[in-house]
Amino acid sequence: MTDVLPQHLITLHPDAQAQLFTAAHTANTFTDEPVTDDQLHAIHDLVKYPPTAMNTQPLRVLYTRPGPARDRLLTHLADGNRAKTATAPVVAVLAADTTFHDHLPTTFPIRPDLRDYFAADDTAREQAARFNATIQIGYYLLGVRAAGLAVGPMGGFDPAGVDREFFTDTGWTSLLVVNIGHPGPDAHFPRLPRLDHSDAIRYA
């Protein structure tokens, strides 16, 4: 049974709560129903709004459909992830762009000096890119669910291999691979326990 959180405390409609959180599961199989470019654009147009530090927005997405590029990606996945990835309608490689600072004059015009600051400090720039892109990944996964699609995020892959394969000379560095589509037969494992607030929250 899907949990429904108190409406007076969580103002998001219960149906939306279920779609985004309480009834949503990681998918391991997918139907052959397509995922359209329009859906992918709509996901971006939704998830570009939540916050990142200094509005850096370093998350980048590479999409692959079945074909040669997908086959190249499969060679860099862990054995247990290849079969389900081969049959997903769309697979996203989520990456951090370490050249995000080139966009800062546009995205954060109140601090025109920041582009030069990050250009001069590789460590700070790479840390900011990875941290903020990781925050954006959470928004992205919920955005895919908001589009009525299921996600299958995977960390079991060779990031260096994926970067060599797809991101040479781009400044992008891969963080997560995500299968996207409509869930197929036996797509979900049973729901595993979640921590109670008494295990996860303290007040100071």
C-alpha atoms as a PDB file:
ATOM      1  CA  MET A   1       0.000   0.000   0.000  1.00  0.00           C
ATOM      2  CA  THR A   2       1.343   3.412  -0.938  1.00  0.00           C
ATOM      3  CA  ASP A   3       1.945   5.817   1.906  1.00  0.00           C
ATOM      4  CA  VAL A   4      -0.013   9.070   1.734  1.00  0.00           C
ATOM      5  CA  LEU A   5       1.514  11.849   3.775  1.00  0.00           C
ATOM      6  CA  PRO A   6      -0.734  14.279   5.688  1.00  0.00           C
ATOM      7  CA  GLN A   7      -2.177  16.761   3.215  1.00  0.00           C
ATOM      8  CA  HIS A   8      -2.036  19.631   5.716  1.00  0.00           C
ATOM      9  CA  LEU A   9       1.717  19.035   6.134  1.00  0.00           C
ATOM     10  CA  ILE A  10       2.675  18.066   2.572  1.00  0.00           C
ATOM     11  CA  THR A  11       0.708  20.291   0.210  1.00  0.00           C
ATOM     12  CA  LEU A  12       1.767  18.383  -2.911  1.00  0.00           C
ATOM     13  CA  HIS A  13      -1.239  16.404  -4.194  1.00  0.00           C
ATOM     14  CA  PRO A  14      -1.181  12.746  -3.028  1.00  0.00           C
ATOM     15  CA  ASP A  15      -1.111  11.542  -6.637  1.00  0.00           C
ATOM     16  CA  ALA A  16       2.018  13.592  -7.246  1.00  0.00           C
ATOM     17  CA  GLN A  17       3.542  12.349  -3.980  1.00  0.00           C
ATOM     18  CA  ALA A  18       3.007   8.801  -5.195  1.00  0.00           C
ATOM     19  CA  GLN A  19       4.359   9.446  -8.708  1.00  0.00           C
ATOM     20  CA  LEU A  20       7.506  11.166  -7.511  1.00  0.00           C
ATOM     21  CA  PHE A  21       8.219   9.421  -4.217  1.00  0.00           C
ATOM     22  CA  THR A  22       6.081   6.896  -2.392  1.00  0.00           C
ATOM     23  CA  ALA A  23       4.962   4.631  -5.253  1.00  0.00           C
ATOM     24  CA  ALA A  24       7.964   5.112  -7.517  1.00  0.00           C
ATOM     25  CA  HIS A  25      10.516   2.317  -7.891  1.00  0.00           C
ATOM     26  CA  THR A  26      13.800   1.815  -9.691  1.00  0.00           C
ATOM     27  CA  ALA A  27      13.020  -0.007 -12.942  1.00  0.00           C
ATOM     28  CA  ASN A  28      15.077  -2.954 -14.163  1.00  0.00           C
ATOM     29  CA  THR A  29      13.049  -3.836 -17.279  1.00  0.00           C
ATOM     30  CA  PHE A  30      11.355  -1.603 -19.835  1.00  0.00           C
ATOM     31  CA  THR A  31       8.735  -1.868 -22.541  1.00  0.00           C
ATOM     32  CA  ASP A  32       9.529  -0.851 -26.108  1.00  0.00           C
ATOM     33  CA  GLU A  33       7.306   2.232 -25.838  1.00  0.00           C
ATOM     34  CA  PRO A  34       9.487   5.108 -27.037  1.00  0.00           C
ATOM     35  CA  VAL A  35      10.717   8.079 -25.066  1.00  0.00           C
ATOM     36  CA  THR A  36      10.534  11.136 -27.304  1.00  0.00           C
ATOM     37  CA  ASP A  37      12.906  14.050 -27.693  1.00  0.00           C
ATOM     38  CA  ASP A  38      10.033  16.309 -26.645  1.00  0.00           C
ATOM     39  CA  GLN A  39       9.783  14.451 -23.333  1.00  0.00           C
ATOM     40  CA  LEU A  40      13.531  14.786 -22.763  1.00  0.00           C
ATOM     41  CA  HIS A  41      13.400  18.508 -23.532  1.00  0.00           C
ATOM     42  CA  ALA A  42      10.471  18.929 -21.139  1.00  0.00           C
ATOM     43  CA  ILE A  43      12.431  17.196 -18.378  1.00  0.00           C
ATOM     44  CA  HIS A  44      15.289  19.646 -18.861  1.00  0.00           C
ATOM     45  CA  ASP A  45      12.933  22.613 -18.896  1.00  0.00           C
ATOM     46  CA  LEU A  46      11.561  21.469 -15.528  1.00  0.00           C
ATOM     47  CA  VAL A  47      14.726  20.502 -13.673  1.00  0.00           C
ATOM     48  CA  LYS A  48      16.814  23.504 -14.707  1.00  0.00           C
ATOM     49  CA  TYR A  49      15.091  25.635 -12.038  1.00  0.00           C
ATOM     50  CA  PRO A  50      16.124  24.174  -8.637  1.00  0.00           C
ATOM     51  CA  PRO A  51      19.146  25.747  -6.935  1.00  0.00           C
ATOM     52  CA  THR A  52      22.850  25.236  -7.436  1.00  0.00           C
ATOM     53  CA  ALA A  53      25.644  27.204  -5.785  1.00  0.00           C
ATOM     54  CA  MET A  54      26.143  30.488  -7.633  1.00  0.00           C
ATOM     55  CA  ASN A  55      23.706  29.194 -10.261  1.00  0.00           C
ATOM     56  CA  THR A  56      26.549  27.126 -11.723  1.00  0.00           C
ATOM     57  CA  GLN A  57      24.292  24.452 -13.318  1.00  0.00           C
ATOM     58  CA  PRO A  58      27.149  22.040 -14.203  1.00  0.00           C
ATOM     59  CA  LEU A  59      25.016  18.945 -14.901  1.00  0.00           C
ATOM     60  CA  ARG A  60      25.288  17.739 -18.508  1.00  0.00           C
ATOM     61  CA  VAL A  61      23.382  14.857 -20.089  1.00  0.00           C
ATOM     62  CA  LEU A  62      24.323  12.555 -22.963  1.00  0.00           C
ATOM     63  CA  TYR A  63      21.400  10.505 -24.304  1.00  0.00           C
ATOM     64  CA  THR A  64      21.800   7.267 -26.241  1.00  0.00           C
ATOM     65  CA  ARG A  65      19.197   5.150 -27.981  1.00  0.00           C
ATOM     66  CA  PRO A  66      19.761   1.575 -29.225  1.00  0.00           C
ATOM     67  CA  GLY A  67      22.494   1.635 -31.856  1.00  0.00           C
ATOM     68  CA  PRO A  68      26.269   2.012 -32.198  1.00  0.00           C
ATOM     69  CA  ALA A  69      26.688   4.632 -29.463  1.00  0.00           C
ATOM     70  CA  ARG A  70      24.687   2.486 -27.023  1.00  0.00           C
ATOM     71  CA  ASP A  71      26.830  -0.515 -27.913  1.00  0.00           C
ATOM     72  CA  ARG A  72      29.950   1.498 -27.106  1.00  0.00           C
ATOM     73  CA  LEU A  73      28.480   2.514 -23.773  1.00  0.00           C
ATOM     74  CA  LEU A  74      27.650  -1.089 -22.868  1.00  0.00           C
ATOM     75  CA  THR A  75      31.310  -2.075 -22.992  1.00  0.00           C
ATOM     76  CA  HIS A  76      31.982   0.194 -20.003  1.00  0.00           C
ATOM     77  CA  LEU A  77      29.141  -1.081 -17.789  1.00  0.00           C
ATOM     78  CA  ALA A  78      29.353  -3.727 -15.087  1.00  0.00           C
ATOM     79  CA  ASP A  79      28.205  -7.137 -16.342  1.00  0.00           C
ATOM     80  CA  GLY A  80      24.992  -7.034 -14.310  1.00  0.00           C
ATOM     81  CA  ASN A  81      23.923  -3.732 -15.859  1.00  0.00           C
ATOM     82  CA  ARG A  82      24.415  -4.501 -19.544  1.00  0.00           C
ATOM     83  CA  ALA A  83      21.296  -6.490 -20.439  1.00  0.00           C
ATOM     84  CA  LYS A  84      18.807  -4.023 -18.957  1.00  0.00           C
ATOM     85  CA  THR A  85      20.695  -1.085 -20.419  1.00  0.00           C
ATOM     86  CA  ALA A  86      20.724  -2.653 -23.880  1.00  0.00           C
ATOM     87  CA  THR A  87      16.917  -2.773 -23.941  1.00  0.00           C
ATOM     88  CA  ALA A  88      16.079   0.603 -22.354  1.00  0.00           C
ATOM     89  CA  PRO A  89      14.490   3.066 -24.809  1.00  0.00           C
ATOM     90  CA  VAL A  90      16.842   5.836 -23.669  1.00  0.00           C
ATOM     91  CA  VAL A  91      19.954   5.798 -21.534  1.00  0.00           C
ATOM     92  CA  ALA A  92      21.306   9.012 -20.012  1.00  0.00           C
ATOM     93  CA  VAL A  93      24.897   9.506 -18.993  1.00  0.00           C
ATOM     94  CA  LEU A  94      24.877  12.237 -16.361  1.00  0.00           C
ATOM     95  CA  ALA A  95      28.083  14.216 -16.199  1.00  0.00           C
ATOM     96  CA  ALA A  96      29.649  17.219 -14.485  1.00  0.00           C
ATOM     97  CA  ASP A  97      30.988  19.934 -16.770  1.00  0.00           C
ATOM     98  CA  THR A  98      34.291  21.227 -15.391  1.00  0.00           C
ATOM     99  CA  THR A  99      34.091  24.130 -17.832  1.00  0.00           C
ATOM    100  CA  PHE A 100      30.834  25.382 -16.304  1.00  0.00           C
ATOM    101  CA  HIS A 101      32.598  28.623 -15.385  1.00  0.00           C
ATOM    102  CA  ASP A 102      32.510  29.753 -19.016  1.00  0.00           C
ATOM    103  CA  HIS A 103      28.740  30.237 -18.606  1.00  0.00           C
ATOM    104  CA  LEU A 104      28.968  32.221 -15.359  1.00  0.00           C
ATOM    105  CA  PRO A 105      28.943  35.677 -17.009  1.00  0.00           C
ATOM    106  CA  THR A 106      25.469  34.713 -18.258  1.00  0.00           C
ATOM    107  CA  THR A 107      24.144  32.621 -15.375  1.00  0.00           C
ATOM    108  CA  PHE A 108      25.599  34.670 -12.494  1.00  0.00           C
ATOM    109  CA  PRO A 109      26.126  38.181 -13.875  1.00  0.00           C
ATOM    110  CA  ILE A 110      26.251  39.813 -10.432  1.00  0.00           C
ATOM    111  CA  ARG A 111      29.766  38.361  -9.957  1.00  0.00           C
ATOM    112  CA  PRO A 112      31.657  38.820 -13.242  1.00  0.00           C
ATOM    113  CA  ASP A 113      34.938  37.960 -11.466  1.00  0.00           C
ATOM    114  CA  LEU A 114      33.916  34.359 -10.743  1.00  0.00           C
ATOM    115  CA  ARG A 115      34.749  33.048 -14.184  1.00  0.00           C
ATOM    116  CA  ASP A 116      38.396  34.079 -13.777  1.00  0.00           C
ATOM    117  CA  TYR A 117      38.464  32.771 -10.204  1.00  0.00           C
ATOM    118  CA  PHE A 118      37.409  29.282 -11.268  1.00  0.00           C
ATOM    119  CA  ALA A 119      39.590  29.368 -14.371  1.00  0.00           C
ATOM    120  CA  ALA A 120      42.615  29.873 -12.141  1.00  0.00           C
ATOM    121  CA  ASP A 121      41.794  27.116  -9.634  1.00  0.00           C
ATOM    122  CA  ASP A 122      41.356  23.660 -11.150  1.00  0.00           C
ATOM    123  CA  THR A 123      40.677  21.996  -7.793  1.00  0.00           C
ATOM    124  CA  ALA A 124      37.952  24.423  -6.747  1.00  0.00           C
ATOM    125  CA  ARG A 125      36.369  24.274 -10.190  1.00  0.00           C
ATOM    126  CA  GLU A 126      36.276  20.471 -10.323  1.00  0.00           C
ATOM    127  CA  GLN A 127      34.932  20.207  -6.771  1.00  0.00           C
ATOM    128  CA  ALA A 128      32.201  22.745  -7.525  1.00  0.00           C
ATOM    129  CA  ALA A 129      31.306  20.953 -10.756  1.00  0.00           C
ATOM    130  CA  ARG A 130      30.972  17.526  -9.151  1.00  0.00           C
ATOM    131  CA  PHE A 131      29.161  18.739  -6.026  1.00  0.00           C
ATOM    132  CA  ASN A 132      26.593  20.842  -7.826  1.00  0.00           C
ATOM    133  CA  ALA A 133      26.038  18.327 -10.617  1.00  0.00           C
ATOM    134  CA  THR A 134      25.398  15.685  -7.964  1.00  0.00           C
ATOM    135  CA  ILE A 135      22.740  17.927  -6.421  1.00  0.00           C
ATOM    136  CA  GLN A 136      21.203  18.352  -9.873  1.00  0.00           C
ATOM    137  CA  ILE A 137      21.095  14.586 -10.382  1.00  0.00           C
ATOM    138  CA  GLY A 138      18.510  14.357  -7.594  1.00  0.00           C
ATOM    139  CA  TYR A 139      16.364  16.944  -9.363  1.00  0.00           C
ATOM    140  CA  TYR A 140      16.846  15.128 -12.666  1.00  0.00           C
ATOM    141  CA  LEU A 141      15.640  11.747 -11.385  1.00  0.00           C
ATOM    142  CA  LEU A 142      12.485  13.347  -9.992  1.00  0.00           C
ATOM    143  CA  GLY A 143      12.007  15.229 -13.260  1.00  0.00           C
ATOM    144  CA  VAL A 144      12.024  11.974 -15.215  1.00  0.00           C
ATOM    145  CA  ARG A 145       9.391  10.598 -12.854  1.00  0.00           C
ATOM    146  CA  ALA A 146       7.372  13.801 -13.261  1.00  0.00           C
ATOM    147  CA  ALA A 147       7.280  13.068 -17.001  1.00  0.00           C
ATOM    148  CA  GLY A 148       5.573   9.745 -16.261  1.00  0.00           C
ATOM    149  CA  LEU A 149       8.698   7.688 -16.889  1.00  0.00           C
ATOM    150  CA  ALA A 150      10.696   5.284 -14.754  1.00  0.00           C
ATOM    151  CA  VAL A 151      14.380   5.579 -13.944  1.00  0.00           C
ATOM    152  CA  GLY A 152      17.033   2.966 -13.383  1.00  0.00           C
ATOM    153  CA  PRO A 153      20.112   4.772 -12.037  1.00  0.00           C
ATOM    154  CA  MET A 154      23.387   2.840 -12.008  1.00  0.00           C
ATOM    155  CA  GLY A 155      26.805   3.513 -10.558  1.00  0.00           C
ATOM    156  CA  GLY A 156      28.219   0.225 -11.855  1.00  0.00           C
ATOM    157  CA  PHE A 157      30.307   1.446 -14.771  1.00  0.00           C
ATOM    158  CA  ASP A 158      33.828   2.597 -15.604  1.00  0.00           C
ATOM    159  CA  PRO A 159      33.719   6.417 -15.503  1.00  0.00           C
ATOM    160  CA  ALA A 160      37.175   6.829 -16.988  1.00  0.00           C
ATOM    161  CA  GLY A 161      36.239   4.536 -19.867  1.00  0.00           C
ATOM    162  CA  VAL A 162      32.983   6.379 -20.516  1.00  0.00           C
ATOM    163  CA  ASP A 163      34.821   9.700 -20.417  1.00  0.00           C
ATOM    164  CA  ARG A 164      37.379   8.484 -22.965  1.00  0.00           C
ATOM    165  CA  GLU A 165      34.611   7.073 -25.151  1.00  0.00           C
ATOM    166  CA  PHE A 166      32.325  10.090 -25.221  1.00  0.00           C
ATOM    167  CA  PHE A 167      33.765  13.141 -23.472  1.00  0.00           C
ATOM    168  CA  THR A 168      37.323  13.618 -24.708  1.00  0.00           C
ATOM    169  CA  ASP A 169      38.197  17.331 -24.897  1.00  0.00           C
ATOM    170  CA  THR A 170      34.778  18.380 -23.520  1.00  0.00           C
ATOM    171  CA  GLY A 171      35.491  18.964 -19.812  1.00  0.00           C
ATOM    172  CA  TRP A 172      32.624  16.594 -18.961  1.00  0.00           C
ATOM    173  CA  THR A 173      33.188  13.827 -16.419  1.00  0.00           C
ATOM    174  CA  SER A 174      30.610  11.068 -15.967  1.00  0.00           C
ATOM    175  CA  LEU A 175      28.857  10.528 -12.630  1.00  0.00           C
ATOM    176  CA  LEU A 176      25.855   8.242 -13.199  1.00  0.00           C
ATOM    177  CA  VAL A 177      24.184   6.169 -15.915  1.00  0.00           C
ATOM    178  CA  VAL A 178      20.371   6.166 -15.935  1.00  0.00           C
ATOM    179  CA  ASN A 179      18.033   3.899 -17.895  1.00  0.00           C
ATOM    180  CA  ILE A 180      14.770   5.647 -18.814  1.00  0.00           C
ATOM    181  CA  GLY A 181      11.458   4.341 -20.120  1.00  0.00           C
ATOM    182  CA  HIS A 182       8.158   2.748 -19.200  1.00  0.00           C
ATOM    183  CA  PRO A 183       8.542  -0.156 -16.765  1.00  0.00           C
ATOM    184  CA  GLY A 184       8.255  -3.632 -18.258  1.00  0.00           C
ATOM    185  CA  PRO A 185       7.360  -7.009 -16.738  1.00  0.00           C
ATOM    186  CA  ASP A 186       8.768  -7.659 -13.274  1.00  0.00           C
ATOM    187  CA  ALA A 187      10.488  -4.277 -13.427  1.00  0.00           C
ATOM    188  CA  HIS A 188      10.708  -3.684  -9.691  1.00  0.00           C
ATOM    189  CA  PHE A 189      12.306  -5.436  -6.765  1.00  0.00           C
ATOM    190  CA  PRO A 190      10.247  -5.454  -3.546  1.00  0.00           C
ATOM    191  CA  ARG A 191      10.419  -2.181  -1.658  1.00  0.00           C
ATOM    192  CA  LEU A 192      13.284  -2.214   0.818  1.00  0.00           C
ATOM    193  CA  PRO A 193      12.929  -0.613   4.256  1.00  0.00           C
ATOM    194  CA  ARG A 194      13.473   3.121   4.676  1.00  0.00           C
ATOM    195  CA  LEU A 195      14.886   4.691   7.805  1.00  0.00           C
ATOM    196  CA  ASP A 196      12.408   6.239  10.232  1.00  0.00           C
ATOM    197  CA  HIS A 197      12.761   9.878  11.165  1.00  0.00           C
ATOM    198  CA  SER A 198      14.018   8.784  14.603  1.00  0.00           C
ATOM    199  CA  ASP A 199      17.020   7.179  12.875  1.00  0.00           C
ATOM    200  CA  ALA A 200      17.757  10.026  10.469  1.00  0.00           C
ATOM    201  CA  ILE A 201      16.854  13.302  12.174  1.00  0.00           C
ATOM    202  CA  ARG A 202      18.178  15.214  15.181  1.00  0.00           C
ATOM    203  CA  TYR A 203      17.270  18.637  16.458  1.00  0.00           C
ATOM    204  CA  ALA A 204      19.860  20.957  17.980  1.00  0.00           C
END
